Amino acid sequence: MKPRHATALALVGWYLMVPPSVSRNLALVYTPLSEWKIVDTFDSESACQQMLTKLIEKMPNTAVDTARCVPSDDPHIVPEQTVPKVVG
């Protein structure tokens, strides 16, 4: 792999996203990804998947079961969805 490709891959983060929901147990999973909400951001897919697993364990049989990890460079994510960085 060329160094510039490795750099590009390193810049990709991951979003934990949930679809819009009608109720605690009913999520609109067929809604376009551009309408899903970003819950949190992660540096790696594995970190995102670990958090998703923990959430599903803590809140079984809820709309969180439909959440998923999405790369930050996914073309279906619109800029308004991005989570603002907290400056402290």
PDB file of N, CA and C in Angstrom:
ATOM      1  N   MET A   1       0.843  -1.174   0.000  1.00  0.00           N
ATOM      2  CA  MET A   1       0.000   0.000   0.000  1.00  0.00           C
ATOM      3  C   MET A   1       0.891   1.240   0.000  1.00  0.00           C
ATOM      4  N   LYS A   2       0.528   2.193  -0.815  1.00  0.00           N
ATOM      5  CA  LYS A   2       1.301   3.425  -0.896  1.00  0.00           C
ATOM      6  C   LYS A   2       1.008   4.293   0.333  1.00  0.00           C
ATOM      7  N   PRO A   3       2.000   5.087   0.781  1.00  0.00           N
ATOM      8  CA  PRO A   3       1.803   5.908   1.975  1.00  0.00           C
ATOM      9  C   PRO A   3       0.589   6.837   1.906  1.00  0.00           C
ATOM     10  N   ARG A   4       0.320   7.418   0.739  1.00  0.00           N
ATOM     11  CA  ARG A   4      -0.822   8.330   0.659  1.00  0.00           C
ATOM     12  C   ARG A   4      -2.141   7.588   0.842  1.00  0.00           C
ATOM     13  N   HIS A   5      -2.197   6.306   0.419  1.00  0.00           N
ATOM     14  CA  HIS A   5      -3.410   5.528   0.628  1.00  0.00           C
ATOM     15  C   HIS A   5      -3.585   5.197   2.104  1.00  0.00           C
ATOM     16  N   ALA A   6      -2.493   4.876   2.771  1.00  0.00           N
ATOM     17  CA  ALA A   6      -2.555   4.585   4.199  1.00  0.00           C
ATOM     18  C   ALA A   6      -3.023   5.816   4.970  1.00  0.00           C
ATOM     19  N   THR A   7      -2.549   6.987   4.578  1.00  0.00           N
ATOM     20  CA  THR A   7      -2.960   8.223   5.234  1.00  0.00           C
ATOM     21  C   THR A   7      -4.446   8.459   5.040  1.00  0.00           C
ATOM     22  N   ALA A   8      -4.926   8.253   3.853  1.00  0.00           N
ATOM     23  CA  ALA A   8      -6.351   8.451   3.577  1.00  0.00           C
ATOM     24  C   ALA A   8      -7.201   7.506   4.416  1.00  0.00           C
ATOM     25  N   LEU A   9      -6.772   6.258   4.543  1.00  0.00           N
ATOM     26  CA  LEU A   9      -7.519   5.301   5.352  1.00  0.00           C
ATOM     27  C   LEU A   9      -7.495   5.678   6.819  1.00  0.00           C
ATOM     28  N   ALA A  10      -6.389   6.219   7.285  1.00  0.00           N
ATOM     29  CA  ALA A  10      -6.271   6.597   8.692  1.00  0.00           C
ATOM     30  C   ALA A  10      -7.192   7.754   9.047  1.00  0.00           C
ATOM     31  N   LEU A  11      -7.558   8.582   8.085  1.00  0.00           N
ATOM     32  CA  LEU A  11      -8.398   9.731   8.351  1.00  0.00           C
ATOM     33  C   LEU A  11      -9.885   9.390   8.439  1.00  0.00           C
ATOM     34  N   VAL A  12     -10.243   8.193   8.032  1.00  0.00           N
ATOM     35  CA  VAL A  12     -11.640   7.785   8.069  1.00  0.00           C
ATOM     36  C   VAL A  12     -12.008   7.414   9.496  1.00  0.00           C
ATOM     37  N   GLY A  13     -13.024   8.075  10.016  1.00  0.00           N
ATOM     38  CA  GLY A  13     -13.545   7.730  11.326  1.00  0.00           C
ATOM     39  C   GLY A  13     -14.812   6.906  11.154  1.00  0.00           C
ATOM     40  N   TRP A  14     -15.461   6.631  12.233  1.00  0.00           N
ATOM     41  CA  TRP A  14     -16.689   5.833  12.199  1.00  0.00           C
ATOM     42  C   TRP A  14     -17.755   6.510  13.033  1.00  0.00           C
ATOM     43  N   TYR A  15     -18.976   6.456  12.552  1.00  0.00           N
ATOM     44  CA  TYR A  15     -20.121   7.003  13.263  1.00  0.00           C
ATOM     45  C   TYR A  15     -21.017   5.858  13.710  1.00  0.00           C
ATOM     46  N   LEU A  16     -21.487   5.940  14.937  1.00  0.00           N
ATOM     47  CA  LEU A  16     -22.542   5.048  15.402  1.00  0.00           C
ATOM     48  C   LEU A  16     -23.830   5.795  15.122  1.00  0.00           C
ATOM     49  N   MET A  17     -24.674   5.219  14.271  1.00  0.00           N
ATOM     50  CA  MET A  17     -25.882   5.909  13.812  1.00  0.00           C
ATOM     51  C   MET A  17     -27.131   5.091  14.113  1.00  0.00           C
ATOM     52  N   VAL A  18     -28.197   5.810  14.393  1.00  0.00           N
ATOM     53  CA  VAL A  18     -29.497   5.171  14.612  1.00  0.00           C
ATOM     54  C   VAL A  18     -30.516   5.776  13.656  1.00  0.00           C
ATOM     55  N   PRO A  19     -31.438   4.949  13.188  1.00  0.00           N
ATOM     56  CA  PRO A  19     -32.477   5.481  12.306  1.00  0.00           C
ATOM     57  C   PRO A  19     -33.502   6.259  13.124  1.00  0.00           C
ATOM     58  N   PRO A  20     -34.290   7.076  12.458  1.00  0.00           N
ATOM     59  CA  PRO A  20     -35.373   7.757  13.187  1.00  0.00           C
ATOM     60  C   PRO A  20     -36.300   6.693  13.779  1.00  0.00           C
ATOM     61  N   SER A  21     -36.896   7.000  14.908  1.00  0.00           N
ATOM     62  CA  SER A  21     -37.790   6.015  15.511  1.00  0.00           C
ATOM     63  C   SER A  21     -39.159   6.623  15.776  1.00  0.00           C
ATOM     64  N   VAL A  22     -40.146   5.750  15.735  1.00  0.00           N
ATOM     65  CA  VAL A  22     -41.522   6.143  16.002  1.00  0.00           C
ATOM     66  C   VAL A  22     -41.817   5.943  17.483  1.00  0.00           C
ATOM     67  N   SER A  23     -41.237   4.905  18.041  1.00  0.00           N
ATOM     68  CA  SER A  23     -41.404   4.603  19.460  1.00  0.00           C
ATOM     69  C   SER A  23     -40.135   3.912  19.944  1.00  0.00           C
ATOM     70  N   ARG A  24     -40.119   3.557  21.210  1.00  0.00           N
ATOM     71  CA  ARG A  24     -38.937   2.895  21.786  1.00  0.00           C
ATOM     72  C   ARG A  24     -38.573   1.606  21.043  1.00  0.00           C
ATOM     73  N   ASN A  25     -39.569   0.919  20.543  1.00  0.00           N
ATOM     74  CA  ASN A  25     -39.339  -0.381  19.910  1.00  0.00           C
ATOM     75  C   ASN A  25     -39.481  -0.376  18.392  1.00  0.00           C
ATOM     76  N   LEU A  26     -39.778   0.764  17.805  1.00  0.00           N
ATOM     77  CA  LEU A  26     -40.018   0.790  16.363  1.00  0.00           C
ATOM     78  C   LEU A  26     -39.150   1.849  15.689  1.00  0.00           C
ATOM     79  N   ALA A  27     -38.155   1.382  14.960  1.00  0.00           N
ATOM     80  CA  ALA A  27     -37.261   2.280  14.230  1.00  0.00           C
ATOM     81  C   ALA A  27     -37.580   2.198  12.743  1.00  0.00           C
ATOM     82  N   LEU A  28     -37.389   3.303  12.056  1.00  0.00           N
ATOM     83  CA  LEU A  28     -37.655   3.366  10.624  1.00  0.00           C
ATOM     84  C   LEU A  28     -36.378   3.011   9.869  1.00  0.00           C
ATOM     85  N   VAL A  29     -36.057   1.723   9.840  1.00  0.00           N
ATOM     86  CA  VAL A  29     -34.779   1.254   9.294  1.00  0.00           C
ATOM     87  C   VAL A  29     -34.640   1.455   7.790  1.00  0.00           C
ATOM     88  N   TYR A  30     -35.734   1.642   7.096  1.00  0.00           N
ATOM     89  CA  TYR A  30     -35.658   1.829   5.645  1.00  0.00           C
ATOM     90  C   TYR A  30     -35.546   3.310   5.251  1.00  0.00           C
ATOM     91  N   THR A  31     -35.455   4.166   6.253  1.00  0.00           N
ATOM     92  CA  THR A  31     -35.248   5.592   5.998  1.00  0.00           C
ATOM     93  C   THR A  31     -33.854   5.780   5.422  1.00  0.00           C
ATOM     94  N   PRO A  32     -33.668   6.687   4.466  1.00  0.00           N
ATOM     95  CA  PRO A  32     -32.326   6.912   3.909  1.00  0.00           C
ATOM     96  C   PRO A  32     -31.315   7.270   5.002  1.00  0.00           C
ATOM     97  N   LEU A  33     -30.102   6.818   4.834  1.00  0.00           N
ATOM     98  CA  LEU A  33     -29.039   7.050   5.809  1.00  0.00           C
ATOM     99  C   LEU A  33     -28.851   8.537   6.093  1.00  0.00           C
ATOM    100  N   SER A  34     -29.147   9.375   5.130  1.00  0.00           N
ATOM    101  CA  SER A  34     -29.008  10.819   5.322  1.00  0.00           C
ATOM    102  C   SER A  34     -29.942  11.352   6.412  1.00  0.00           C
ATOM    103  N   GLU A  35     -30.942  10.577   6.808  1.00  0.00           N
ATOM    104  CA  GLU A  35     -31.881  10.991   7.840  1.00  0.00           C
ATOM    105  C   GLU A  35     -31.611  10.328   9.188  1.00  0.00           C
ATOM    106  N   TRP A  36     -30.611   9.461   9.249  1.00  0.00           N
ATOM    107  CA  TRP A  36     -30.264   8.813  10.510  1.00  0.00           C
ATOM    108  C   TRP A  36     -29.519   9.794  11.398  1.00  0.00           C
ATOM    109  N   LYS A  37     -29.521   9.550  12.691  1.00  0.00           N
ATOM    110  CA  LYS A  37     -28.864  10.425  13.659  1.00  0.00           C
ATOM    111  C   LYS A  37     -27.522   9.824  14.096  1.00  0.00           C
ATOM    112  N   ILE A  38     -26.503  10.672  14.149  1.00  0.00           N
ATOM    113  CA  ILE A  38     -25.197  10.239  14.647  1.00  0.00           C
ATOM    114  C   ILE A  38     -25.225  10.310  16.169  1.00  0.00           C
ATOM    115  N   VAL A  39     -24.951   9.181  16.797  1.00  0.00           N
ATOM    116  CA  VAL A  39     -24.961   9.089  18.249  1.00  0.00           C
ATOM    117  C   VAL A  39     -23.578   9.375  18.828  1.00  0.00           C
ATOM    118  N   ASP A  40     -22.545   8.859  18.162  1.00  0.00           N
ATOM    119  CA  ASP A  40     -21.177   9.029  18.657  1.00  0.00           C
ATOM    120  C   ASP A  40     -20.198   8.811  17.517  1.00  0.00           C
ATOM    121  N   THR A  41     -18.942   9.205  17.730  1.00  0.00           N
ATOM    122  CA  THR A  41     -17.896   9.017  16.726  1.00  0.00           C
ATOM    123  C   THR A  41     -16.771   8.178  17.319  1.00  0.00           C
ATOM    124  N   PHE A  42     -16.071   7.448  16.433  1.00  0.00           N
ATOM    125  CA  PHE A  42     -15.003   6.547  16.858  1.00  0.00           C
ATOM    126  C   PHE A  42     -13.849   6.602  15.868  1.00  0.00           C
ATOM    127  N   ASP A  43     -12.661   6.251  16.344  1.00  0.00           N
ATOM    128  CA  ASP A  43     -11.475   6.215  15.496  1.00  0.00           C
ATOM    129  C   ASP A  43     -11.388   4.951  14.656  1.00  0.00           C
ATOM    130  N   SER A  44     -12.090   3.891  15.097  1.00  0.00           N
ATOM    131  CA  SER A  44     -12.004   2.625  14.368  1.00  0.00           C
ATOM    132  C   SER A  44     -13.364   1.939  14.322  1.00  0.00           C
ATOM    133  N   GLU A  45     -13.492   1.063  13.347  1.00  0.00           N
ATOM    134  CA  GLU A  45     -14.729   0.293  13.229  1.00  0.00           C
ATOM    135  C   GLU A  45     -14.903  -0.620  14.435  1.00  0.00           C
ATOM    136  N   SER A  46     -13.808  -1.219  14.894  1.00  0.00           N
ATOM    137  CA  SER A  46     -13.909  -2.145  16.030  1.00  0.00           C
ATOM    138  C   SER A  46     -14.388  -1.432  17.293  1.00  0.00           C
ATOM    139  N   ALA A  47     -13.915  -0.202  17.537  1.00  0.00           N
ATOM    140  CA  ALA A  47     -14.377   0.554  18.708  1.00  0.00           C
ATOM    141  C   ALA A  47     -15.866   0.860  18.595  1.00  0.00           C
ATOM    142  N   CYS A  48     -16.304   1.197  17.403  1.00  0.00           N
ATOM    143  CA  CYS A  48     -17.720   1.470  17.170  1.00  0.00           C
ATOM    144  C   CYS A  48     -18.555   0.212  17.400  1.00  0.00           C
ATOM    145  N   GLN A  49     -18.099  -0.903  16.863  1.00  0.00           N
ATOM    146  CA  GLN A  49     -18.826  -2.172  17.027  1.00  0.00           C
ATOM    147  C   GLN A  49     -18.890  -2.598  18.491  1.00  0.00           C
ATOM    148  N   GLN A  50     -17.817  -2.360  19.238  1.00  0.00           N
ATOM    149  CA  GLN A  50     -17.812  -2.708  20.660  1.00  0.00           C
ATOM    150  C   GLN A  50     -18.864  -1.902  21.409  1.00  0.00           C
ATOM    151  N   MET A  51     -18.947  -0.606  21.116  1.00  0.00           N
ATOM    152  CA  MET A  51     -19.960   0.232  21.769  1.00  0.00           C
ATOM    153  C   MET A  51     -21.357  -0.212  21.374  1.00  0.00           C
ATOM    154  N   LEU A  52     -21.557  -0.526  20.110  1.00  0.00           N
ATOM    155  CA  LEU A  52     -22.865  -0.988  19.647  1.00  0.00           C
ATOM    156  C   LEU A  52     -23.271  -2.256  20.384  1.00  0.00           C
ATOM    157  N   THR A  53     -22.341  -3.176  20.537  1.00  0.00           N
ATOM    158  CA  THR A  53     -22.619  -4.422  21.256  1.00  0.00           C
ATOM    159  C   THR A  53     -23.027  -4.134  22.701  1.00  0.00           C
ATOM    160  N   LYS A  54     -22.309  -3.225  23.364  1.00  0.00           N
ATOM    161  CA  LYS A  54     -22.635  -2.866  24.750  1.00  0.00           C
ATOM    162  C   LYS A  54     -24.027  -2.251  24.847  1.00  0.00           C
ATOM    163  N   LEU A  55     -24.353  -1.370  23.907  1.00  0.00           N
ATOM    164  CA  LEU A  55     -25.672  -0.736  23.928  1.00  0.00           C
ATOM    165  C   LEU A  55     -26.790  -1.752  23.739  1.00  0.00           C
ATOM    166  N   ILE A  56     -26.587  -2.676  22.830  1.00  0.00           N
ATOM    167  CA  ILE A  56     -27.607  -3.699  22.579  1.00  0.00           C
ATOM    168  C   ILE A  56     -27.787  -4.584  23.803  1.00  0.00           C
ATOM    169  N   GLU A  57     -26.680  -4.896  24.493  1.00  0.00           N
ATOM    170  CA  GLU A  57     -26.764  -5.701  25.716  1.00  0.00           C
ATOM    171  C   GLU A  57     -27.519  -4.960  26.818  1.00  0.00           C
ATOM    172  N   LYS A  58     -27.296  -3.641  26.925  1.00  0.00           N
ATOM    173  CA  LYS A  58     -27.944  -2.847  27.974  1.00  0.00           C
ATOM    174  C   LYS A  58     -29.398  -2.535  27.659  1.00  0.00           C
ATOM    175  N   MET A  59     -29.731  -2.444  26.364  1.00  0.00           N
ATOM    176  CA  MET A  59     -31.091  -2.066  25.965  1.00  0.00           C
ATOM    177  C   MET A  59     -31.625  -3.051  24.924  1.00  0.00           C
ATOM    178  N   PRO A  60     -31.788  -4.317  25.308  1.00  0.00           N
ATOM    179  CA  PRO A  60     -32.277  -5.299  24.332  1.00  0.00           C
ATOM    180  C   PRO A  60     -33.723  -5.014  23.916  1.00  0.00           C
ATOM    181  N   ASN A  61     -34.037  -5.450  22.733  1.00  0.00           N
ATOM    182  CA  ASN A  61     -35.401  -5.326  22.197  1.00  0.00           C
ATOM    183  C   ASN A  61     -35.878  -3.886  22.126  1.00  0.00           C
ATOM    184  N   THR A  62     -34.969  -2.999  21.765  1.00  0.00           N
ATOM    185  CA  THR A  62     -35.333  -1.596  21.553  1.00  0.00           C
ATOM    186  C   THR A  62     -34.855  -1.196  20.159  1.00  0.00           C
ATOM    187  N   ALA A  63     -35.105   0.033  19.806  1.00  0.00           N
ATOM    188  CA  ALA A  63     -34.696   0.529  18.496  1.00  0.00           C
ATOM    189  C   ALA A  63     -33.168   0.533  18.335  1.00  0.00           C
ATOM    190  N   VAL A  64     -32.422   0.480  19.444  1.00  0.00           N
ATOM    191  CA  VAL A  64     -30.958   0.460  19.343  1.00  0.00           C
ATOM    192  C   VAL A  64     -30.480  -0.804  18.612  1.00  0.00           C
ATOM    193  N   ASP A  65     -31.306  -1.815  18.569  1.00  0.00           N
ATOM    194  CA  ASP A  65     -30.967  -3.031  17.818  1.00  0.00           C
ATOM    195  C   ASP A  65     -30.743  -2.742  16.340  1.00  0.00           C
ATOM    196  N   THR A  66     -31.266  -1.632  15.854  1.00  0.00           N
ATOM    197  CA  THR A  66     -31.151  -1.294  14.435  1.00  0.00           C
ATOM    198  C   THR A  66     -30.006  -0.329  14.143  1.00  0.00           C
ATOM    199  N   ALA A  67     -29.290   0.095  15.188  1.00  0.00           N
ATOM    200  CA  ALA A  67     -28.161   1.007  14.996  1.00  0.00           C
ATOM    201  C   ALA A  67     -27.067   0.312  14.204  1.00  0.00           C
ATOM    202  N   ARG A  68     -26.192   1.115  13.596  1.00  0.00           N
ATOM    203  CA  ARG A  68     -25.067   0.518  12.879  1.00  0.00           C
ATOM    204  C   ARG A  68     -23.892   1.481  12.811  1.00  0.00           C
ATOM    205  N   CYS A  69     -22.737   0.913  12.540  1.00  0.00           N
ATOM    206  CA  CYS A  69     -21.511   1.688  12.392  1.00  0.00           C
ATOM    207  C   CYS A  69     -21.313   2.014  10.919  1.00  0.00           C
ATOM    208  N   VAL A  70     -21.039   3.286  10.655  1.00  0.00           N
ATOM    209  CA  VAL A  70     -20.929   3.768   9.278  1.00  0.00           C
ATOM    210  C   VAL A  70     -19.618   4.560   9.147  1.00  0.00           C
ATOM    211  N   PRO A  71     -18.841   4.308   8.094  1.00  0.00           N
ATOM    212  CA  PRO A  71     -17.617   5.103   7.916  1.00  0.00           C
ATOM    213  C   PRO A  71     -17.946   6.569   7.681  1.00  0.00           C
ATOM    214  N   SER A  72     -17.117   7.441   8.232  1.00  0.00           N
ATOM    215  CA  SER A  72     -17.393   8.881   8.141  1.00  0.00           C
ATOM    216  C   SER A  72     -17.324   9.417   6.718  1.00  0.00           C
ATOM    217  N   ASP A  73     -16.700   8.673   5.826  1.00  0.00           N
ATOM    218  CA  ASP A  73     -16.632   9.132   4.441  1.00  0.00           C
ATOM    219  C   ASP A  73     -17.746   8.557   3.566  1.00  0.00           C
ATOM    220  N   ASP A  74     -18.750   7.957   4.176  1.00  0.00           N
ATOM    221  CA  ASP A  74     -19.877   7.419   3.422  1.00  0.00           C
ATOM    222  C   ASP A  74     -20.576   8.564   2.687  1.00  0.00           C
ATOM    223  N   PRO A  75     -20.787   8.438   1.392  1.00  0.00           N
ATOM    224  CA  PRO A  75     -21.383   9.534   0.620  1.00  0.00           C
ATOM    225  C   PRO A  75     -22.841   9.831   0.971  1.00  0.00           C
ATOM    226  N   HIS A  76     -23.493   8.943   1.724  1.00  0.00           N
ATOM    227  CA  HIS A  76     -24.893   9.161   2.077  1.00  0.00           C
ATOM    228  C   HIS A  76     -25.067  10.026   3.319  1.00  0.00           C
ATOM    229  N   ILE A  77     -23.968  10.349   3.988  1.00  0.00           N
ATOM    230  CA  ILE A  77     -24.035  11.186   5.179  1.00  0.00           C
ATOM    231  C   ILE A  77     -23.889  12.640   4.749  1.00  0.00           C
ATOM    232  N   VAL A  78     -24.818  13.452   5.201  1.00  0.00           N
ATOM    233  CA  VAL A  78     -24.776  14.873   4.831  1.00  0.00           C
ATOM    234  C   VAL A  78     -24.071  15.669   5.928  1.00  0.00           C
ATOM    235  N   PRO A  79     -23.439  16.797   5.584  1.00  0.00           N
ATOM    236  CA  PRO A  79     -22.670  17.579   6.567  1.00  0.00           C
ATOM    237  C   PRO A  79     -23.457  17.972   7.819  1.00  0.00           C
ATOM    238  N   GLU A  80     -24.737  18.226   7.710  1.00  0.00           N
ATOM    239  CA  GLU A  80     -25.526  18.636   8.874  1.00  0.00           C
ATOM    240  C   GLU A  80     -25.613  17.548   9.939  1.00  0.00           C
ATOM    241  N   GLN A  81     -25.328  16.305   9.556  1.00  0.00           N
ATOM    242  CA  GLN A  81     -25.416  15.213  10.508  1.00  0.00           C
ATOM    243  C   GLN A  81     -24.196  15.120  11.411  1.00  0.00           C
ATOM    244  N   THR A  82     -23.098  15.705  11.022  1.00  0.00           N
ATOM    245  CA  THR A  82     -21.863  15.494  11.764  1.00  0.00           C
ATOM    246  C   THR A  82     -21.955  16.032  13.178  1.00  0.00           C
ATOM    247  N   VAL A  83     -21.307  15.336  14.076  1.00  0.00           N
ATOM    248  CA  VAL A  83     -21.305  15.689  15.483  1.00  0.00           C
ATOM    249  C   VAL A  83     -20.281  16.790  15.709  1.00  0.00           C
ATOM    250  N   PRO A  84     -20.677  17.895  16.338  1.00  0.00           N
ATOM    251  CA  PRO A  84     -19.701  18.965  16.582  1.00  0.00           C
ATOM    252  C   PRO A  84     -18.646  18.522  17.588  1.00  0.00           C
ATOM    253  N   LYS A  85     -17.426  18.973  17.386  1.00  0.00           N
ATOM    254  CA  LYS A  85     -16.334  18.674  18.305  1.00  0.00           C
ATOM    255  C   LYS A  85     -16.469  19.551  19.535  1.00  0.00           C
ATOM    256  N   VAL A  86     -16.248  18.965  20.693  1.00  0.00           N
ATOM    257  CA  VAL A  86     -16.301  19.711  21.940  1.00  0.00           C
ATOM    258  C   VAL A  86     -14.919  20.275  22.208  1.00  0.00           C
ATOM    259  N   VAL A  87     -14.853  21.599  22.359  1.00  0.00           N
ATOM    260  CA  VAL A  87     -13.577  22.259  22.623  1.00  0.00           C
ATOM    261  C   VAL A  87     -13.521  22.536  24.114  1.00  0.00           C
ATOM    262  N   GLY A  88     -12.461  22.086  24.744  1.00  0.00           N
ATOM    263  CA  GLY A  88     -12.438  22.256  26.187  1.00  0.00           C
ATOM    264  C   GLY A  88     -11.166  22.654  26.668  1.00  0.00           C
TER     265      GLY A  88
END
